[in-house]
């Protein structure tokens, strides 16, 4: 890693820690600069604003989550549990909820949508490989798997991101997922445990 890249990573690490301990709203650019022991111009060389810092911190979190999800693909877990584990691994850790919460603020709605799209694009290939394994084992019967996985993720985001869904919503989503992947009826009931599990 080059010196400039290392300096930027140090600033991201500091911002990450401060966003967790103080909260995004209660952390100022001056706080980050003071902690890093740098001039304000140095900070602005790497980041145009605190919002950009937040976006890159969340990008760093996503990369860590995707790396964890990728390791699950090589595990001996059955395909359904593998899918659950991959999706569960891309949730923020409990201490990162304050950072995730900053995305829900009205002023960050565009960034929120952008990051959701980025996360979907990164997780689709992983879930596609798991689903292809399911096809090979006769658990699923479908083609165009990446498109089906993307559609499944988009639907789940729209339904479950606002936390106002009902048990009937879950029933319908499970039914839709089974039809999208060509799975047997009730074979995807394990999704219910994932939806109802506390965010991690």
Protein backbone atom coordinates (compact mmCIF):
# COMPACT_ATOMS: atom_id res chain seq x y z
CA UNK A 1 0.00 0.00 0.00
CA UNK A 2 1.39 3.41 -1.01
CA UNK A 3 1.90 6.17 1.55
CA UNK A 4 -1.12 8.16 0.35
CA UNK A 5 -3.36 5.08 0.39
CA UNK A 6 -2.11 4.22 3.86
CA UNK A 7 -2.90 7.74 5.12
CA UNK A 8 -6.40 7.60 3.65
CA UNK A 9 -6.98 4.19 5.25
CA UNK A 10 -5.83 5.58 8.61
CA UNK A 11 -8.39 8.39 8.32
CA UNK A 12 -11.13 5.91 7.42
CA UNK A 13 -10.21 3.75 10.42
CA UNK A 14 -10.36 6.79 12.71
CA UNK A 15 -13.69 7.91 11.26
CA UNK A 16 -15.06 4.36 11.59
CA UNK A 17 -14.13 4.20 15.30
CA UNK A 18 -15.49 7.68 16.02
CA UNK A 19 -18.74 7.08 14.16
CA UNK A 20 -19.24 3.98 16.33
CA UNK A 21 -18.27 5.50 19.68
CA UNK A 22 -19.70 9.02 19.24
CA UNK A 23 -22.23 8.53 16.47
CA UNK A 24 -22.02 10.00 12.98
CA UNK A 25 -24.00 13.14 13.85
CA UNK A 26 -21.81 13.85 16.89
CA UNK A 27 -18.52 13.47 15.03
CA UNK A 28 -17.18 16.50 13.20
CA UNK A 29 -14.47 16.77 10.59
CA UNK A 30 -12.43 18.70 13.18
CA UNK A 31 -12.73 15.73 15.56
CA UNK A 32 -11.32 13.38 12.93
CA UNK A 33 -8.54 15.83 12.07
CA UNK A 34 -7.59 16.28 15.73
CA UNK A 35 -7.52 12.52 16.33
CA UNK A 36 -5.37 12.00 13.22
CA UNK A 37 -3.05 14.89 14.06
CA UNK A 38 -3.17 16.33 10.54
CA UNK A 39 -3.92 19.66 8.90
CA UNK A 40 -7.42 20.32 7.60
CA UNK A 41 -6.06 20.56 4.06
CA UNK A 42 -4.75 17.02 4.33
CA UNK A 43 -8.23 15.74 5.22
CA UNK A 44 -9.79 17.57 2.27
CA UNK A 45 -7.15 16.13 -0.03
CA UNK A 46 -8.72 12.71 0.55
CA UNK A 47 -12.38 13.56 1.23
CA UNK A 48 -14.59 16.33 -0.08
CA UNK A 49 -16.95 16.16 2.90
CA UNK A 50 -17.99 14.20 5.98
CA UNK A 51 -20.70 12.60 3.84
CA UNK A 52 -18.06 11.22 1.48
CA UNK A 53 -16.16 9.89 4.48
CA UNK A 54 -19.33 8.13 5.67
CA UNK A 55 -19.86 6.61 2.22
CA UNK A 56 -16.30 5.28 2.11
CA UNK A 57 -16.49 3.98 5.69
CA UNK A 58 -19.61 2.03 4.76
CA UNK A 59 -17.86 0.83 1.61
CA UNK A 60 -15.08 -0.49 3.85
CA UNK A 61 -17.69 -2.27 6.00
CA UNK A 62 -19.26 -3.82 2.90
CA UNK A 63 -15.89 -5.16 1.69
CA UNK A 64 -15.35 -6.82 5.08
CA UNK A 65 -18.86 -8.34 4.97
CA UNK A 66 -18.42 -9.61 1.39
CA UNK A 67 -15.09 -11.21 2.33
CA UNK A 68 -16.83 -13.06 5.19
CA UNK A 69 -19.69 -14.06 2.87
CA UNK A 70 -17.24 -15.38 0.29
CA UNK A 71 -15.64 -17.76 2.77
CA UNK A 72 -19.06 -19.38 3.35
CA UNK A 73 -19.21 -20.60 -0.26
CA UNK A 74 -16.43 -23.12 0.40
CA UNK A 75 -18.00 -24.36 3.62
CA UNK A 76 -19.69 -27.79 3.90
CA UNK A 77 -23.04 -26.22 4.85
CA UNK A 78 -26.15 -27.44 2.98
CA UNK A 79 -27.20 -25.01 0.26
CA UNK A 80 -30.21 -23.51 2.09
CA UNK A 81 -28.13 -22.81 5.21
CA UNK A 82 -25.35 -21.48 3.00
CA UNK A 83 -27.74 -18.93 1.51
CA UNK A 84 -28.93 -17.91 4.99
CA UNK A 85 -25.33 -17.59 6.21
CA UNK A 86 -24.28 -15.46 3.22
CA UNK A 87 -27.20 -13.05 3.70
CA UNK A 88 -26.65 -12.92 7.47
CA UNK A 89 -22.97 -12.11 6.99
CA UNK A 90 -23.73 -8.95 5.01
CA UNK A 91 -25.61 -7.36 7.89
CA UNK A 92 -23.73 -4.78 9.93
CA UNK A 93 -22.31 -5.86 13.30
CA UNK A 94 -24.24 -4.64 16.38
CA UNK A 95 -21.69 -1.92 17.13
CA UNK A 96 -22.02 -0.65 13.54
CA UNK A 97 -25.74 0.13 13.89
CA UNK A 98 -24.98 3.80 14.60
CA UNK A 99 -23.18 4.05 11.26
CA UNK A 100 -25.97 2.20 9.44
CA UNK A 101 -28.50 4.47 11.14
CA UNK A 102 -26.85 7.56 9.64
CA UNK A 103 -27.84 6.28 6.20
CA UNK A 104 -31.51 6.38 7.20
CA UNK A 105 -31.45 10.15 7.67
CA UNK A 106 -33.44 12.02 4.98
CA UNK A 107 -30.38 13.97 3.83
CA UNK A 108 -28.56 10.71 3.09
CA UNK A 109 -31.32 8.98 1.10
CA UNK A 110 -29.43 9.19 -2.22
CA UNK A 111 -26.32 7.73 -0.61
CA UNK A 112 -28.46 5.01 0.98
CA UNK A 113 -29.86 3.96 -2.40
CA UNK A 114 -26.40 4.05 -3.99
CA UNK A 115 -24.92 1.84 -1.25
CA UNK A 116 -27.82 -0.62 -1.43
CA UNK A 117 -27.21 -1.00 -5.18
CA UNK A 118 -23.49 -1.52 -4.56
CA UNK A 119 -24.16 -4.20 -1.93
CA UNK A 120 -26.61 -6.02 -4.21
CA UNK A 121 -24.10 -6.02 -7.08
CA UNK A 122 -21.43 -7.50 -4.81
CA UNK A 123 -23.58 -10.18 -3.18
CA UNK A 124 -25.37 -11.38 -6.35
CA UNK A 125 -22.33 -13.38 -7.61
CA UNK A 126 -21.94 -15.10 -4.23
CA UNK A 127 -25.61 -16.07 -3.96
CA UNK A 128 -25.57 -17.09 -7.63
CA UNK A 129 -22.82 -19.64 -6.94
CA UNK A 130 -24.77 -21.01 -3.97
CA UNK A 131 -27.94 -21.24 -6.08
CA UNK A 132 -26.04 -22.95 -8.92
CA UNK A 133 -24.87 -25.52 -6.37
CA UNK A 134 -28.54 -25.95 -5.43
CA UNK A 135 -29.45 -26.55 -9.09
CA UNK A 136 -26.70 -29.19 -9.38
CA UNK A 137 -28.11 -30.95 -6.31
CA UNK A 138 -31.70 -30.80 -7.58
CA UNK A 139 -32.82 -28.42 -4.83
CA UNK A 140 -33.58 -25.63 -7.34
CA UNK A 141 -34.69 -25.77 -10.95
CA UNK A 142 -34.14 -22.53 -12.83
CA UNK A 143 -32.05 -20.66 -15.38
CA UNK A 144 -30.93 -17.01 -15.54
CA UNK A 145 -29.82 -17.36 -11.93
CA UNK A 146 -28.06 -13.98 -11.44
CA UNK A 147 -31.16 -12.13 -12.66
CA UNK A 148 -33.38 -14.21 -10.37
CA UNK A 149 -31.12 -13.59 -7.37
CA UNK A 150 -31.04 -9.84 -8.07
CA UNK A 151 -34.83 -9.74 -8.32
CA UNK A 152 -35.14 -11.67 -5.05
CA UNK A 153 -32.81 -9.21 -3.28
CA UNK A 154 -34.58 -6.13 -4.67
CA UNK A 155 -37.96 -7.46 -3.54
CA UNK A 156 -36.64 -8.32 -0.08
CA UNK A 157 -35.07 -4.86 0.31
CA UNK A 158 -38.30 -3.11 -0.61
CA UNK A 159 -40.43 -5.23 1.71
CA UNK A 160 -38.21 -5.67 4.74
CA UNK A 161 -36.06 -2.54 4.94
CA UNK A 162 -38.80 -0.45 6.57
CA UNK A 163 -39.55 -3.06 9.29
CA UNK A 164 -43.34 -2.69 8.90
CA UNK A 165 -43.95 -6.07 7.25
CA UNK A 166 -46.42 -8.70 8.46
CA UNK A 167 -46.33 -12.50 8.75
CA UNK A 168 -48.38 -12.64 5.55
CA UNK A 169 -45.71 -10.56 3.79
CA UNK A 170 -43.14 -13.16 4.86
CA UNK A 171 -45.38 -16.02 3.65
CA UNK A 172 -45.76 -14.37 0.24
CA UNK A 173 -42.05 -13.58 -0.03
CA UNK A 174 -41.14 -17.20 0.74
CA UNK A 175 -43.64 -18.37 -1.88
CA UNK A 176 -42.22 -15.90 -4.44
CA UNK A 177 -38.65 -17.00 -3.64
CA UNK A 178 -39.54 -20.65 -4.12
CA UNK A 179 -41.12 -19.87 -7.48
CA UNK A 180 -38.19 -17.66 -8.57
CA UNK A 181 -35.68 -20.45 -7.82
CA UNK A 182 -37.89 -23.36 -8.83
CA UNK A 183 -37.79 -24.85 -5.33
CA UNK A 184 -40.33 -27.20 -3.80
CA UNK A 185 -43.16 -25.68 -1.78
CA UNK A 186 -42.11 -24.91 1.82
CA UNK A 187 -38.49 -25.85 1.09
CA UNK A 188 -37.47 -22.23 1.69
CA UNK A 189 -39.27 -21.83 5.02
CA UNK A 190 -35.86 -21.32 6.60
CA UNK A 191 -36.05 -17.76 5.24
CA UNK A 192 -38.47 -16.96 8.06
CA UNK A 193 -35.75 -17.47 10.69
CA UNK A 194 -33.47 -15.09 8.77
CA UNK A 195 -36.12 -12.36 8.49
CA UNK A 196 -37.19 -12.65 12.11
CA UNK A 197 -33.63 -12.81 13.45
CA UNK A 198 -32.30 -9.66 15.15
CA UNK A 199 -30.13 -7.55 12.85
CA UNK A 200 -26.48 -8.40 13.42
